[in-house]
Amino acid sequence: MLLKEFCAENFEHVPAAIEKGAKRIELCDNLAVGGTTVSLGVMETTVEYCHEKDIPVMAIIRPRAGHFVYSDTELKIMTRDIFEAKKAQVDGVVLGCLTQDGWIDEEAMEELLDIANGLQITFHMAFDAIPLAKQKEAIDWLVDHQVDRILTHGGPSGTPIEDNFAHLQELIAYANHRLIILPGGGITSENATLVSETLNVHEVHGTKIV
């Protein structure tokens, strides 16, 4: 069965999304700028509602818009947000930290992953900012650090998801079930089945997925 992860800015659209078939919720404020961390109140309200319906909730941990190279102060903010997310009983967090040259910020990620221990982990679309030549190595690193899935568009933001099928298939084949490649960006209720069948994936992500 296809699992549709609905990306929600706030609680407002969550009940309708579940009614229409969403099987996982990602909380992600400020979608116009790629998403930032929602308020604790939104987290708690969403978790309470979703858990009554056995729907897991993921929360993005991202302190601002823009690039994915974070200062020490920003990492402290992310650390606190993960603690709060755990208190709110989310099922998982969605995060990603890079270095100036586009590689995974290993030290920052290891610190955040240690705090997030016990939660599902999704490495978000920061993955798409990693140079193509390093993406397979990045998959290996994330597998080694028990990351559960990678959310990726498979290409530049704004391109049709269909244009990126070949690269997504390459990533999925390389991951080889060691973690989940979660396609996202431009996937809607109209093309979700096509994406799933073409890529042979069982999870898809989007704001218009249902």
C-alpha atoms as a PDB file:
ATOM      1  CA  MET A   1       0.000   0.000   0.000  1.00  0.00           C
ATOM      2  CA  LEU A   2       1.205   3.513  -0.828  1.00  0.00           C
ATOM      3  CA  LEU A   3       1.949   5.668   2.224  1.00  0.00           C
ATOM      4  CA  LYS A   4       1.175   9.314   1.550  1.00  0.00           C
ATOM      5  CA  GLU A   5       3.027  11.743   3.823  1.00  0.00           C
ATOM      6  CA  PHE A   6       1.165  15.044   3.946  1.00  0.00           C
ATOM      7  CA  CYS A   7       3.249  18.141   4.587  1.00  0.00           C
ATOM      8  CA  ALA A   8       1.312  20.564   6.805  1.00  0.00           C
ATOM      9  CA  GLU A   9       2.196  24.121   7.836  1.00  0.00           C
ATOM     10  CA  ASN A  10      -0.102  23.968  10.830  1.00  0.00           C
ATOM     11  CA  PHE A  11      -2.892  21.901  12.323  1.00  0.00           C
ATOM     12  CA  GLU A  12      -5.637  23.466  10.186  1.00  0.00           C
ATOM     13  CA  HIS A  13      -5.443  21.042   7.247  1.00  0.00           C
ATOM     14  CA  VAL A  14      -4.422  17.905   9.145  1.00  0.00           C
ATOM     15  CA  PRO A  15      -7.888  16.433   9.863  1.00  0.00           C
ATOM     16  CA  ALA A  16      -8.985  16.796   6.223  1.00  0.00           C
ATOM     17  CA  ALA A  17      -5.709  15.316   4.959  1.00  0.00           C
ATOM     18  CA  ILE A  18      -6.136  12.243   7.144  1.00  0.00           C
ATOM     19  CA  GLU A  19      -9.760  11.950   6.052  1.00  0.00           C
ATOM     20  CA  LYS A  20      -8.543  11.926   2.427  1.00  0.00           C
ATOM     21  CA  GLY A  21      -5.959   9.222   3.033  1.00  0.00           C
ATOM     22  CA  ALA A  22      -2.768  10.741   4.455  1.00  0.00           C
ATOM     23  CA  LYS A  23      -0.974   8.100   6.530  1.00  0.00           C
ATOM     24  CA  ARG A  24       1.809  10.261   7.968  1.00  0.00           C
ATOM     25  CA  ILE A  25       2.039  13.978   8.741  1.00  0.00           C
ATOM     26  CA  GLU A  26       5.131  16.138   8.424  1.00  0.00           C
ATOM     27  CA  LEU A  27       4.856  19.442  10.269  1.00  0.00           C
ATOM     28  CA  CYS A  28       6.713  22.128   8.361  1.00  0.00           C
ATOM     29  CA  ASP A  29       5.948  25.829   8.841  1.00  0.00           C
ATOM     30  CA  ASN A  30       6.735  28.531   6.249  1.00  0.00           C
ATOM     31  CA  LEU A  31       6.551  26.246   3.235  1.00  0.00           C
ATOM     32  CA  ALA A  32       7.064  29.209   0.902  1.00  0.00           C
ATOM     33  CA  VAL A  33      10.701  29.301   2.031  1.00  0.00           C
ATOM     34  CA  GLY A  34      11.223  25.540   2.200  1.00  0.00           C
ATOM     35  CA  GLY A  35       9.961  24.956   5.716  1.00  0.00           C
ATOM     36  CA  THR A  36      10.926  25.799   9.292  1.00  0.00           C
ATOM     37  CA  THR A  37      10.099  24.389  12.727  1.00  0.00           C
ATOM     38  CA  VAL A  38       6.492  24.783  13.841  1.00  0.00           C
ATOM     39  CA  SER A  39       5.491  26.014  17.293  1.00  0.00           C
ATOM     40  CA  LEU A  40       5.342  23.651  20.243  1.00  0.00           C
ATOM     41  CA  GLY A  41       1.589  24.214  20.419  1.00  0.00           C
ATOM     42  CA  VAL A  42       1.135  23.066  16.825  1.00  0.00           C
ATOM     43  CA  MET A  43       3.269  20.002  17.515  1.00  0.00           C
ATOM     44  CA  GLU A  44       1.377  19.016  20.641  1.00  0.00           C
ATOM     45  CA  THR A  45      -2.063  19.573  19.112  1.00  0.00           C
ATOM     46  CA  THR A  46      -1.187  17.631  15.964  1.00  0.00           C
ATOM     47  CA  VAL A  47       0.406  14.740  17.839  1.00  0.00           C
ATOM     48  CA  GLU A  48      -2.579  14.447  20.179  1.00  0.00           C
ATOM     49  CA  TYR A  49      -5.023  14.353  17.264  1.00  0.00           C
ATOM     50  CA  CYS A  50      -2.965  12.077  15.014  1.00  0.00           C
ATOM     51  CA  HIS A  51      -2.021   9.544  17.649  1.00  0.00           C
ATOM     52  CA  GLU A  52      -5.693   8.976  18.416  1.00  0.00           C
ATOM     53  CA  LYS A  53      -5.932   7.835  14.787  1.00  0.00           C
ATOM     54  CA  ASP A  54      -2.627   5.897  14.743  1.00  0.00           C
ATOM     55  CA  ILE A  55      -1.075   8.431  12.352  1.00  0.00           C
ATOM     56  CA  PRO A  56       2.634   9.156  12.958  1.00  0.00           C
ATOM     57  CA  VAL A  57       3.892  12.739  13.048  1.00  0.00           C
ATOM     58  CA  MET A  58       7.266  13.992  11.820  1.00  0.00           C
ATOM     59  CA  ALA A  59       8.499  17.497  12.681  1.00  0.00           C
ATOM     60  CA  ILE A  60      11.040  19.459  10.684  1.00  0.00           C
ATOM     61  CA  ILE A  61      13.880  20.908  12.748  1.00  0.00           C
ATOM     62  CA  ARG A  62      15.057  23.956  10.837  1.00  0.00           C
ATOM     63  CA  PRO A  63      15.540  27.338  12.521  1.00  0.00           C
ATOM     64  CA  ARG A  64      15.372  29.524   9.413  1.00  0.00           C
ATOM     65  CA  ALA A  65      15.043  29.646   5.654  1.00  0.00           C
ATOM     66  CA  GLY A  66      18.006  29.638   3.291  1.00  0.00           C
ATOM     67  CA  HIS A  67      21.090  27.462   3.190  1.00  0.00           C
ATOM     68  CA  PHE A  68      21.771  24.455   5.407  1.00  0.00           C
ATOM     69  CA  VAL A  69      25.069  25.621   6.912  1.00  0.00           C
ATOM     70  CA  TYR A  70      24.294  26.373  10.545  1.00  0.00           C
ATOM     71  CA  SER A  71      26.131  28.420  13.166  1.00  0.00           C
ATOM     72  CA  ASP A  72      26.782  27.155  16.678  1.00  0.00           C
ATOM     73  CA  THR A  73      23.891  29.288  17.942  1.00  0.00           C
ATOM     74  CA  GLU A  74      21.545  27.834  15.332  1.00  0.00           C
ATOM     75  CA  LEU A  75      22.609  24.313  16.278  1.00  0.00           C
ATOM     76  CA  LYS A  76      21.779  25.097  19.920  1.00  0.00           C
ATOM     77  CA  ILE A  77      18.333  26.219  18.777  1.00  0.00           C
ATOM     78  CA  MET A  78      17.896  22.970  16.830  1.00  0.00           C
ATOM     79  CA  THR A  79      19.019  20.974  19.859  1.00  0.00           C
ATOM     80  CA  ARG A  80      16.383  22.658  22.024  1.00  0.00           C
ATOM     81  CA  ASP A  81      13.739  22.132  19.348  1.00  0.00           C
ATOM     82  CA  ILE A  82      14.504  18.400  19.229  1.00  0.00           C
ATOM     83  CA  PHE A  83      14.138  18.172  23.017  1.00  0.00           C
ATOM     84  CA  GLU A  84      10.774  19.956  22.770  1.00  0.00           C
ATOM     85  CA  ALA A  85       9.680  17.721  19.887  1.00  0.00           C
ATOM     86  CA  LYS A  86      10.476  14.647  21.969  1.00  0.00           C
ATOM     87  CA  LYS A  87       8.465  16.070  24.863  1.00  0.00           C
ATOM     88  CA  ALA A  88       5.577  16.608  22.441  1.00  0.00           C
ATOM     89  CA  GLN A  89       5.896  12.895  21.582  1.00  0.00           C
ATOM     90  CA  VAL A  90       6.465  13.280  17.854  1.00  0.00           C
ATOM     91  CA  ASP A  91       7.385  10.062  16.087  1.00  0.00           C
ATOM     92  CA  GLY A  92      10.300  11.520  14.218  1.00  0.00           C
ATOM     93  CA  VAL A  93      12.252  14.575  13.141  1.00  0.00           C
ATOM     94  CA  VAL A  94      13.298  15.859   9.737  1.00  0.00           C
ATOM     95  CA  LEU A  95      16.649  17.612   9.558  1.00  0.00           C
ATOM     96  CA  GLY A  96      19.811  18.165   7.578  1.00  0.00           C
ATOM     97  CA  CYS A  97      23.086  20.062   8.081  1.00  0.00           C
ATOM     98  CA  LEU A  98      25.740  20.751   5.444  1.00  0.00           C
ATOM     99  CA  THR A  99      29.227  22.254   5.308  1.00  0.00           C
ATOM    100  CA  GLN A 100      30.216  25.184   3.109  1.00  0.00           C
ATOM    101  CA  ASP A 101      31.488  22.809   0.411  1.00  0.00           C
ATOM    102  CA  GLY A 102      28.207  20.896   0.253  1.00  0.00           C
ATOM    103  CA  TRP A 103      29.055  17.799   2.281  1.00  0.00           C
ATOM    104  CA  ILE A 104      27.154  16.561   5.333  1.00  0.00           C
ATOM    105  CA  ASP A 105      28.180  18.471   8.455  1.00  0.00           C
ATOM    106  CA  GLU A 106      29.151  15.278  10.230  1.00  0.00           C
ATOM    107  CA  GLU A 107      29.843  16.829  13.634  1.00  0.00           C
ATOM    108  CA  ALA A 108      26.555  18.745  13.689  1.00  0.00           C
ATOM    109  CA  MET A 109      24.545  15.782  12.442  1.00  0.00           C
ATOM    110  CA  GLU A 110      26.082  13.398  14.963  1.00  0.00           C
ATOM    111  CA  GLU A 111      25.216  15.816  17.774  1.00  0.00           C
ATOM    112  CA  LEU A 112      21.609  16.194  16.632  1.00  0.00           C
ATOM    113  CA  LEU A 113      21.174  12.482  15.932  1.00  0.00           C
ATOM    114  CA  ASP A 114      22.409  11.659  19.414  1.00  0.00           C
ATOM    115  CA  ILE A 115      19.767  13.941  20.940  1.00  0.00           C
ATOM    116  CA  ALA A 116      17.084  12.563  18.598  1.00  0.00           C
ATOM    117  CA  ASN A 117      17.884   8.980  19.588  1.00  0.00           C
ATOM    118  CA  GLY A 118      14.717   6.887  19.667  1.00  0.00           C
ATOM    119  CA  LEU A 119      12.939   8.923  16.986  1.00  0.00           C
ATOM    120  CA  GLN A 120      12.572   8.216  13.288  1.00  0.00           C
ATOM    121  CA  ILE A 121      15.019  10.345  11.296  1.00  0.00           C
ATOM    122  CA  THR A 122      14.492  11.826   7.849  1.00  0.00           C
ATOM    123  CA  PHE A 123      17.333  13.732   6.171  1.00  0.00           C
ATOM    124  CA  HIS A 124      15.455  16.448   4.285  1.00  0.00           C
ATOM    125  CA  MET A 125      15.989  18.112   0.913  1.00  0.00           C
ATOM    126  CA  ALA A 126      19.335  19.484   2.033  1.00  0.00           C
ATOM    127  CA  PHE A 127      20.328  16.237   0.310  1.00  0.00           C
ATOM    128  CA  ASP A 128      19.621  17.863  -3.055  1.00  0.00           C
ATOM    129  CA  ALA A 129      22.254  20.512  -2.300  1.00  0.00           C
ATOM    130  CA  ILE A 130      24.937  17.817  -2.022  1.00  0.00           C
ATOM    131  CA  PRO A 131      26.906  17.536  -5.307  1.00  0.00           C
ATOM    132  CA  LEU A 132      25.687  14.632  -7.450  1.00  0.00           C
ATOM    133  CA  ALA A 133      29.117  13.005  -7.345  1.00  0.00           C
ATOM    134  CA  LYS A 134      28.916  12.792  -3.542  1.00  0.00           C
ATOM    135  CA  GLN A 135      25.287  11.726  -3.121  1.00  0.00           C
ATOM    136  CA  LYS A 136      25.981   7.977  -3.044  1.00  0.00           C
ATOM    137  CA  GLU A 137      28.689   8.513  -0.446  1.00  0.00           C
ATOM    138  CA  ALA A 138      26.158  10.599   1.497  1.00  0.00           C
ATOM    139  CA  ILE A 139      23.688   7.717   1.405  1.00  0.00           C
ATOM    140  CA  ASP A 140      26.381   5.463   2.886  1.00  0.00           C
ATOM    141  CA  TRP A 141      27.075   7.954   5.682  1.00  0.00           C
ATOM    142  CA  LEU A 142      23.395   8.310   6.518  1.00  0.00           C
ATOM    143  CA  VAL A 143      22.909   4.535   6.507  1.00  0.00           C
ATOM    144  CA  ASP A 144      25.868   4.156   8.866  1.00  0.00           C
ATOM    145  CA  HIS A 145      24.234   6.667  11.223  1.00  0.00           C
ATOM    146  CA  GLN A 146      20.864   4.876  11.291  1.00  0.00           C
ATOM    147  CA  VAL A 147      18.944   7.544   9.351  1.00  0.00           C
ATOM    148  CA  ASP A 148      15.619   6.054   8.260  1.00  0.00           C
ATOM    149  CA  ARG A 149      14.904   7.956   5.051  1.00  0.00           C
ATOM    150  CA  ILE A 150      16.052  10.683   2.695  1.00  0.00           C
ATOM    151  CA  LEU A 151      13.530  13.193   1.378  1.00  0.00           C
ATOM    152  CA  THR A 152      14.660  14.210  -2.107  1.00  0.00           C
ATOM    153  CA  HIS A 153      13.332  15.791  -5.267  1.00  0.00           C
ATOM    154  CA  GLY A 154      16.074  14.095  -7.244  1.00  0.00           C
ATOM    155  CA  GLY A 155      17.051  17.331  -8.966  1.00  0.00           C
ATOM    156  CA  PRO A 156      16.895  21.126  -8.817  1.00  0.00           C
ATOM    157  CA  SER A 157      13.969  22.663  -6.965  1.00  0.00           C
ATOM    158  CA  GLY A 158      11.126  23.601  -9.268  1.00  0.00           C
ATOM    159  CA  THR A 159      11.825  20.959 -11.897  1.00  0.00           C
ATOM    160  CA  PRO A 160       9.021  18.489 -12.632  1.00  0.00           C
ATOM    161  CA  ILE A 161       9.476  15.345 -10.545  1.00  0.00           C
ATOM    162  CA  GLU A 162       9.108  13.316 -13.753  1.00  0.00           C
ATOM    163  CA  ASP A 163      12.307  14.919 -15.094  1.00  0.00           C
ATOM    164  CA  ASN A 164      14.198  13.443 -12.163  1.00  0.00           C
ATOM    165  CA  PHE A 165      12.988   9.849 -12.377  1.00  0.00           C
ATOM    166  CA  ALA A 166      16.279   8.542 -13.780  1.00  0.00           C
ATOM    167  CA  HIS A 167      18.363  10.004 -10.955  1.00  0.00           C
ATOM    168  CA  LEU A 168      15.838   8.951  -8.319  1.00  0.00           C
ATOM    169  CA  GLN A 169      15.930   5.391  -9.674  1.00  0.00           C
ATOM    170  CA  GLU A 170      19.716   5.454  -9.408  1.00  0.00           C
ATOM    171  CA  LEU A 171      19.558   6.619  -5.779  1.00  0.00           C
ATOM    172  CA  ILE A 172      16.910   4.026  -4.904  1.00  0.00           C
ATOM    173  CA  ALA A 173      18.951   1.241  -6.474  1.00  0.00           C
ATOM    174  CA  TYR A 174      22.079   2.347  -4.622  1.00  0.00           C
ATOM    175  CA  ALA A 175      20.260   2.624  -1.293  1.00  0.00           C
ATOM    176  CA  ASN A 176      19.092  -0.958  -1.865  1.00  0.00           C
ATOM    177  CA  HIS A 177      16.563  -0.959   1.009  1.00  0.00           C
ATOM    178  CA  ARG A 178      19.202   0.154   3.523  1.00  0.00           C
ATOM    179  CA  LEU A 179      17.104   3.280   4.015  1.00  0.00           C
ATOM    180  CA  ILE A 180      14.034   4.727   2.303  1.00  0.00           C
ATOM    181  CA  ILE A 181      14.353   7.194  -0.552  1.00  0.00           C
ATOM    182  CA  LEU A 182      11.264   9.380  -0.109  1.00  0.00           C
ATOM    183  CA  PRO A 183      10.419  11.347  -3.284  1.00  0.00           C
ATOM    184  CA  GLY A 184       8.959  14.792  -2.740  1.00  0.00           C
ATOM    185  CA  GLY A 185       8.426  18.112  -4.448  1.00  0.00           C
ATOM    186  CA  GLY A 186       5.784  18.379  -7.143  1.00  0.00           C
ATOM    187  CA  ILE A 187       4.015  15.161  -6.179  1.00  0.00           C
ATOM    188  CA  THR A 188       0.236  15.535  -6.012  1.00  0.00           C
ATOM    189  CA  SER A 189      -2.805  13.306  -5.653  1.00  0.00           C
ATOM    190  CA  GLU A 190      -2.879  13.205  -9.462  1.00  0.00           C
ATOM    191  CA  ASN A 191       0.635  11.891 -10.108  1.00  0.00           C
ATOM    192  CA  ALA A 192       1.400  10.066  -6.831  1.00  0.00           C
ATOM    193  CA  THR A 193       0.494   6.666  -8.261  1.00  0.00           C
ATOM    194  CA  LEU A 194       2.624   7.281 -11.373  1.00  0.00           C
ATOM    195  CA  VAL A 195       5.583   8.269  -9.198  1.00  0.00           C
ATOM    196  CA  SER A 196       5.120   5.239  -6.954  1.00  0.00           C
ATOM    197  CA  GLU A 197       4.791   2.763  -9.802  1.00  0.00           C
ATOM    198  CA  THR A 198       7.594   4.218 -11.910  1.00  0.00           C
ATOM    199  CA  LEU A 199      10.072   4.337  -9.041  1.00  0.00           C
ATOM    200  CA  ASN A 200       8.722   1.265  -7.219  1.00  0.00           C
ATOM    201  CA  VAL A 201       8.497   3.184  -3.952  1.00  0.00           C
ATOM    202  CA  HIS A 202       5.916   2.784  -1.224  1.00  0.00           C
ATOM    203  CA  GLU A 203       6.144   6.258   0.342  1.00  0.00           C
ATOM    204  CA  VAL A 204       5.642   9.672  -1.270  1.00  0.00           C
ATOM    205  CA  HIS A 205       5.618  13.200   0.188  1.00  0.00           C
ATOM    206  CA  GLY A 206       3.870  16.453  -0.642  1.00  0.00           C
ATOM    207  CA  THR A 207       1.633  19.353   0.282  1.00  0.00           C
ATOM    208  CA  LYS A 208      -0.976  18.253  -2.276  1.00  0.00           C
ATOM    209  CA  ILE A 209      -0.493  14.513  -1.896  1.00  0.00           C
ATOM    210  CA  VAL A 210      -4.166  13.926  -1.002  1.00  0.00           C
END
